[in-house]
Amino acid sequence: MFLGGWLLGISTFDYAISSPQTRSYSKIKLYGGSTDFDRLHIYNTVKVASFISAIDPNISQAWTPDTILLAEFNHSLDGGNVINLPAALTGFQIYRKEAGSSTSTLLTTVPNGTLQYVDYTTQAYKTYSYEIVPITDTEIGSPLIPDTIYTDYFGWYLMDYDTPSTVYKFDLNIKSGTISNETDVTTYQNYTQKPSVAQGERNYIKGEISFMAGEISAVDGTLQQTSDYLTDLRTFINNQKPKLFKSRKGDVWKILTYGLNVSYTDEIEQQPAMVSFTFCEII
């Protein structure tokens, strides 16, 4: 994980990249005789000649996963710190960009010292890149740009929108039914050949999903259905908090959930339960 190592993406909500390594150097030997060094960028890998010759000295360098040190000297003996800022860090801005897009979206700003961030809002089967930008009270530094990630997860996921500490996954006997698009349309009969139609701003989705409740045991792969699971799920569904709902196809909705219904299969001794609830998209 990283922020100076940061957790960036989601495969099944856990994807980590390597962090800039914490190392101490007492001596660096620079070759070139009497030379002015405007910038010092040290990598953890040996770069080939073609990579070095392609560097444009007029363009500021950016942090990469194999960067050990990046310092701009800014016409002084002060080499700055490892993220190319002369002042004390106050935090980091985290941006995300979808492959093919020309714009980045600011996801959040986190305070200095934060060691983990999880992006729960990614869609399935998309390629994303991230930028982690160090900031002070008055300046921003060069971004850390890790490798792109491709999101690939299966199932339906439900979690609290603001603090998703609990994530429910549904992928057994799923029936999503019809997800309706609710709009505001009024037809006026005004004694002409055709009516007048007015459409308002209302435009949201509403639906119901059913599935076999429970958790798959990591030990033997069997379905575990306990009364505590159903009780906790009922409390979660009806807690009146906004939620993030992600479909198997990659849709991501901000919703409210309500009305947990349970149907037991009495013909089977263990009485496996089918569960359904209603969801409605919100702002």
Protein backbone atom coordinates (compact mmCIF):
# COMPACT_ATOMS: atom_id res chain seq x y z
CA MET A 1 0.00 0.00 0.00
CA PHE A 2 1.25 3.47 -0.50
CA LEU A 3 0.94 7.14 -0.04
CA GLY A 4 4.43 7.72 -0.53
CA GLY A 5 2.78 4.38 -1.02
CA TRP A 6 -1.07 4.55 -1.46
CA LEU A 7 -3.81 2.00 -2.07
CA LEU A 8 -5.29 2.94 -5.41
CA GLY A 9 -7.74 0.69 -6.96
CA ILE A 10 -10.09 -2.10 -6.85
CA SER A 11 -9.96 -5.54 -8.25
CA THR A 12 -12.11 -7.09 -5.62
CA PHE A 13 -11.53 -4.01 -3.49
CA ASP A 14 -7.86 -4.66 -2.84
CA TYR A 15 -5.06 -3.62 -5.18
CA ALA A 16 -1.71 -2.39 -3.95
CA ILE A 17 1.36 -1.01 -5.66
CA SER A 18 4.87 -0.75 -4.34
CA SER A 19 5.88 2.34 -2.43
CA PRO A 20 8.92 4.58 -2.82
CA GLN A 21 11.43 2.86 -0.60
CA THR A 22 12.69 4.42 2.62
CA ARG A 23 16.46 4.37 2.41
CA SER A 24 19.35 6.38 3.82
CA TYR A 25 22.35 7.37 1.68
CA SER A 26 25.46 8.94 3.16
CA LYS A 27 27.30 9.46 -0.13
CA ILE A 28 26.43 9.91 -3.79
CA LYS A 29 29.11 10.13 -6.47
CA LEU A 30 28.23 12.39 -9.41
CA TYR A 31 30.21 12.23 -12.64
CA GLY A 32 30.76 15.00 -15.16
CA GLY A 33 33.52 17.20 -13.78
CA SER A 34 32.57 20.84 -13.14
CA THR A 35 28.85 20.60 -13.74
CA ASP A 36 25.80 22.36 -12.38
CA PHE A 37 23.04 19.97 -11.30
CA ASP A 38 19.57 21.49 -11.52
CA ARG A 39 17.71 18.39 -10.49
CA LEU A 40 18.45 15.06 -8.85
CA HIS A 41 16.27 12.06 -9.70
CA ILE A 42 17.42 8.69 -8.33
CA TYR A 43 15.75 5.46 -9.43
CA ASN A 44 15.83 2.01 -7.87
CA THR A 45 16.51 0.49 -11.30
CA VAL A 46 19.25 0.83 -13.90
CA LYS A 47 18.01 2.88 -16.85
CA VAL A 48 19.14 2.14 -20.41
CA ALA A 49 20.78 4.80 -22.59
CA SER A 50 17.65 5.34 -24.69
CA PHE A 51 15.62 6.18 -21.56
CA ILE A 52 18.26 8.65 -20.37
CA SER A 53 18.65 10.37 -23.73
CA ALA A 54 14.88 10.83 -24.00
CA ILE A 55 14.74 12.92 -20.80
CA ASP A 56 13.93 16.57 -21.52
CA PRO A 57 15.77 18.73 -18.96
CA ASN A 58 13.22 21.52 -19.44
CA ILE A 59 10.34 19.38 -18.18
CA SER A 60 9.91 18.62 -14.48
CA GLN A 61 10.17 14.96 -13.59
CA ALA A 62 7.41 12.98 -11.84
CA TRP A 63 7.52 10.35 -9.14
CA THR A 64 7.29 6.77 -10.38
CA PRO A 65 7.03 3.52 -8.37
CA ASP A 66 10.82 2.97 -8.70
CA THR A 67 11.79 6.51 -7.59
CA ILE A 68 14.02 6.75 -4.52
CA LEU A 69 14.70 10.51 -4.55
CA LEU A 70 13.42 13.43 -6.61
CA ALA A 71 14.74 16.87 -5.64
CA GLU A 72 14.64 20.22 -7.40
CA PHE A 73 17.46 22.48 -6.21
CA ASN A 74 15.69 25.70 -7.26
CA HIS A 75 18.94 27.69 -7.58
CA SER A 76 19.94 27.02 -3.97
CA LEU A 77 21.65 24.44 -1.82
CA ASP A 78 18.28 23.30 -0.54
CA GLY A 79 17.47 20.10 -2.40
CA GLY A 80 13.96 19.98 -1.03
CA ASN A 81 12.57 16.70 0.19
CA VAL A 82 11.75 13.49 -1.62
CA ILE A 83 8.53 14.81 -3.08
CA ASN A 84 10.01 17.97 -4.54
CA LEU A 85 8.54 20.53 -2.13
CA PRO A 86 10.55 22.91 0.06
CA ALA A 87 7.80 23.35 2.67
CA ALA A 88 6.22 20.90 5.07
CA LEU A 89 3.61 18.54 3.66
CA THR A 90 -0.01 19.04 4.68
CA GLY A 91 -1.57 16.25 2.64
CA PHE A 92 -2.14 14.59 -0.71
CA GLN A 93 -4.68 15.06 -3.49
CA ILE A 94 -5.74 11.85 -5.23
CA TYR A 95 -6.89 11.98 -8.85
CA ARG A 96 -8.26 9.26 -11.13
CA LYS A 97 -8.46 9.17 -14.93
CA GLU A 98 -10.14 6.59 -17.13
CA ALA A 99 -8.16 5.31 -20.11
CA GLY A 100 -8.98 7.38 -23.19
CA SER A 101 -10.14 10.40 -21.18
CA SER A 102 -8.28 13.71 -21.26
CA THR A 103 -9.40 14.83 -17.81
CA SER A 104 -8.72 13.63 -14.29
CA THR A 105 -11.24 13.59 -11.45
CA LEU A 106 -10.26 14.68 -7.94
CA LEU A 107 -11.39 11.85 -5.65
CA THR A 108 -10.33 13.21 -2.29
CA THR A 109 -7.74 15.16 -0.31
CA VAL A 110 -6.21 13.29 2.61
CA PRO A 111 -4.04 14.67 5.43
CA ASN A 112 -0.34 13.98 5.72
CA GLY A 113 0.30 10.72 7.54
CA THR A 114 -2.59 8.86 5.92
CA LEU A 115 -1.34 5.44 4.85
CA GLN A 116 -4.26 4.00 2.93
CA TYR A 117 -7.03 5.02 0.56
CA VAL A 118 -9.49 2.70 -1.15
CA ASP A 119 -11.34 3.81 -4.26
CA TYR A 120 -14.69 2.02 -4.06
CA THR A 121 -16.25 3.98 -6.93
CA THR A 122 -14.49 2.28 -9.85
CA GLN A 123 -16.54 0.48 -12.47
CA ALA A 124 -15.80 -3.09 -13.49
CA TYR A 125 -13.80 -3.82 -16.63
CA LYS A 126 -12.27 -0.35 -16.87
CA THR A 127 -8.64 0.79 -17.05
CA TYR A 128 -7.71 3.62 -14.69
CA SER A 129 -4.63 5.64 -13.87
CA TYR A 130 -4.10 7.58 -10.65
CA GLU A 131 -2.08 10.60 -9.58
CA ILE A 132 -1.09 11.27 -5.97
CA VAL A 133 -0.16 14.93 -5.65
CA PRO A 134 1.67 16.14 -2.53
CA ILE A 135 0.57 19.55 -1.27
CA THR A 136 1.60 22.19 1.25
CA ASP A 137 -0.38 25.21 2.41
CA THR A 138 0.70 27.15 -0.67
CA GLU A 139 2.22 24.72 -3.21
CA ILE A 140 1.75 21.44 -5.00
CA GLY A 141 4.49 19.00 -5.90
CA SER A 142 5.22 16.56 -8.67
CA PRO A 143 2.67 13.73 -8.78
CA LEU A 144 3.38 10.09 -8.11
CA ILE A 145 1.95 8.19 -11.08
CA PRO A 146 1.79 4.41 -10.57
CA ASP A 147 1.06 1.86 -13.25
CA THR A 148 -2.47 1.72 -14.67
CA ILE A 149 -4.87 -0.85 -13.25
CA TYR A 150 -7.66 -2.86 -14.85
CA THR A 151 -10.67 -3.54 -12.62
CA ASP A 152 -12.05 -7.04 -12.82
CA TYR A 153 -14.52 -8.27 -10.21
CA PHE A 154 -17.61 -10.47 -10.25
CA GLY A 155 -20.85 -10.21 -8.33
CA TRP A 156 -23.00 -7.46 -6.85
CA TYR A 157 -21.52 -5.34 -4.05
CA LEU A 158 -23.29 -3.21 -1.45
CA MET A 159 -21.61 -0.91 1.06
CA ASP A 160 -22.15 2.32 2.98
CA TYR A 161 -21.45 5.34 0.76
CA ASP A 162 -19.49 7.49 3.22
CA THR A 163 -17.58 4.94 5.32
CA PRO A 164 -17.68 1.55 3.57
CA SER A 165 -16.19 -0.51 6.38
CA THR A 166 -18.56 -3.41 5.62
CA VAL A 167 -18.96 -4.78 2.10
CA TYR A 168 -21.70 -7.29 1.21
CA LYS A 169 -21.20 -9.43 -1.87
CA PHE A 170 -24.16 -11.13 -3.57
CA ASP A 171 -23.52 -13.67 -6.33
CA LEU A 172 -25.63 -16.77 -5.57
CA ASN A 173 -28.97 -17.29 -7.37
CA ILE A 174 -29.07 -13.62 -8.32
CA LYS A 175 -32.28 -12.25 -9.84
CA SER A 176 -32.07 -8.55 -10.55
CA GLY A 177 -35.42 -8.30 -12.30
CA THR A 178 -36.39 -5.09 -14.08
CA ILE A 179 -34.54 -1.96 -13.03
CA SER A 180 -36.93 0.82 -13.97
CA ASN A 181 -36.02 4.35 -15.02
CA GLU A 182 -38.37 6.69 -13.17
CA THR A 183 -39.05 9.97 -14.98
CA ASP A 184 -41.48 12.86 -14.57
CA VAL A 185 -43.72 13.17 -17.65
CA THR A 186 -47.15 14.82 -17.80
CA THR A 187 -49.48 14.68 -20.81
CA TYR A 188 -51.95 17.53 -21.34
CA GLN A 189 -55.08 17.03 -23.43
CA ASN A 190 -55.61 20.44 -25.02
CA TYR A 191 -58.24 19.70 -27.71
CA THR A 192 -55.71 19.49 -30.54
CA GLN A 193 -54.82 16.50 -32.70
CA LYS A 194 -51.89 15.63 -30.47
CA PRO A 195 -51.39 16.29 -26.76
CA SER A 196 -48.76 18.49 -25.17
CA VAL A 197 -46.13 16.67 -23.15
CA ALA A 198 -44.05 18.22 -20.39
CA GLN A 199 -41.05 16.50 -18.85
CA GLY A 200 -39.60 17.45 -15.48
CA GLU A 201 -36.15 16.92 -14.01
CA ARG A 202 -36.90 13.64 -12.25
CA ASN A 203 -34.68 10.86 -13.61
CA TYR A 204 -33.57 7.97 -11.40
CA ILE A 205 -33.55 4.18 -11.24
CA LYS A 206 -35.47 1.89 -8.93
CA GLY A 207 -35.44 -1.86 -8.62
CA GLU A 208 -35.40 -5.00 -6.54
CA ILE A 209 -32.77 -7.68 -6.29
CA SER A 210 -33.05 -11.17 -4.81
CA PHE A 211 -30.32 -13.66 -3.99
CA MET A 212 -29.42 -16.57 -1.74
CA ALA A 213 -28.17 -15.06 1.49
CA GLY A 214 -25.03 -16.10 3.30
CA GLU A 215 -21.26 -16.26 3.07
CA ILE A 216 -19.04 -18.81 1.36
CA SER A 217 -16.69 -20.57 3.78
CA ALA A 218 -13.02 -20.05 2.95
CA VAL A 219 -12.31 -23.46 4.48
CA ASP A 220 -14.55 -25.85 2.57
CA GLY A 221 -16.45 -23.64 0.10
CA THR A 222 -19.87 -24.32 1.63
CA LEU A 223 -22.60 -21.73 2.06
CA GLN A 224 -22.88 -20.42 5.62
CA GLN A 225 -26.25 -18.96 6.65
CA THR A 226 -26.58 -17.85 10.24
CA SER A 227 -29.35 -15.95 11.98
CA ASP A 228 -26.77 -13.28 12.87
CA TYR A 229 -26.00 -12.75 9.19
CA LEU A 230 -29.65 -12.14 8.35
CA THR A 231 -30.11 -9.87 11.38
CA ASP A 232 -27.04 -7.82 10.49
CA LEU A 233 -28.11 -7.61 6.85
CA ARG A 234 -31.62 -6.44 7.82
CA THR A 235 -30.11 -3.73 10.04
CA PHE A 236 -27.77 -2.69 7.25
CA ILE A 237 -30.50 -2.54 4.59
CA ASN A 238 -32.75 -0.40 6.79
CA ASN A 239 -30.19 1.92 8.38
CA GLN A 240 -31.37 4.88 6.23
CA LYS A 241 -27.82 5.68 5.10
CA PRO A 242 -26.78 6.27 1.48
CA LYS A 243 -25.10 3.24 -0.06
CA LEU A 244 -22.89 2.39 -2.99
CA PHE A 245 -24.28 -0.42 -5.16
CA LYS A 246 -22.16 -2.07 -7.86
CA SER A 247 -23.61 -4.48 -10.41
CA ARG A 248 -22.00 -7.43 -12.13
CA LYS A 249 -22.03 -5.47 -15.40
CA GLY A 250 -20.03 -2.61 -13.89
CA ASP A 251 -22.80 -0.13 -12.99
CA VAL A 252 -22.17 2.04 -9.92
CA TRP A 253 -25.15 3.72 -8.20
CA LYS A 254 -25.64 5.81 -5.09
CA ILE A 255 -28.82 4.43 -3.54
CA LEU A 256 -31.06 3.97 -0.51
CA THR A 257 -32.19 0.45 0.41
CA TYR A 258 -35.22 -0.74 2.32
CA GLY A 259 -37.62 -3.63 2.88
CA LEU A 260 -35.60 -6.82 3.43
CA ASN A 261 -37.74 -9.87 2.62
CA VAL A 262 -36.72 -13.42 3.56
CA SER A 263 -38.10 -16.67 2.12
CA TYR A 264 -36.94 -20.00 3.59
CA THR A 265 -36.73 -23.23 1.59
CA ASP A 266 -38.55 -25.51 4.02
CA GLU A 267 -38.08 -28.64 1.91
CA ILE A 268 -34.37 -28.64 2.81
CA GLU A 269 -33.27 -29.38 6.36
CA GLN A 270 -30.91 -26.38 6.57
CA GLN A 271 -33.66 -24.04 5.29
CA PRO A 272 -31.49 -21.91 3.00
CA ALA A 273 -32.92 -18.41 2.71
CA MET A 274 -33.64 -16.34 -0.38
CA VAL A 275 -33.47 -12.63 0.36
CA SER A 276 -34.67 -9.56 -1.55
CA PHE A 277 -34.67 -5.82 -0.98
CA THR A 278 -35.69 -2.67 -2.85
CA PHE A 279 -33.24 0.04 -3.86
CA CYS A 280 -33.73 3.57 -5.18
CA GLU A 281 -31.14 5.87 -6.73
CA ILE A 282 -30.54 9.16 -4.90
CA ILE A 283 -28.51 12.33 -5.39
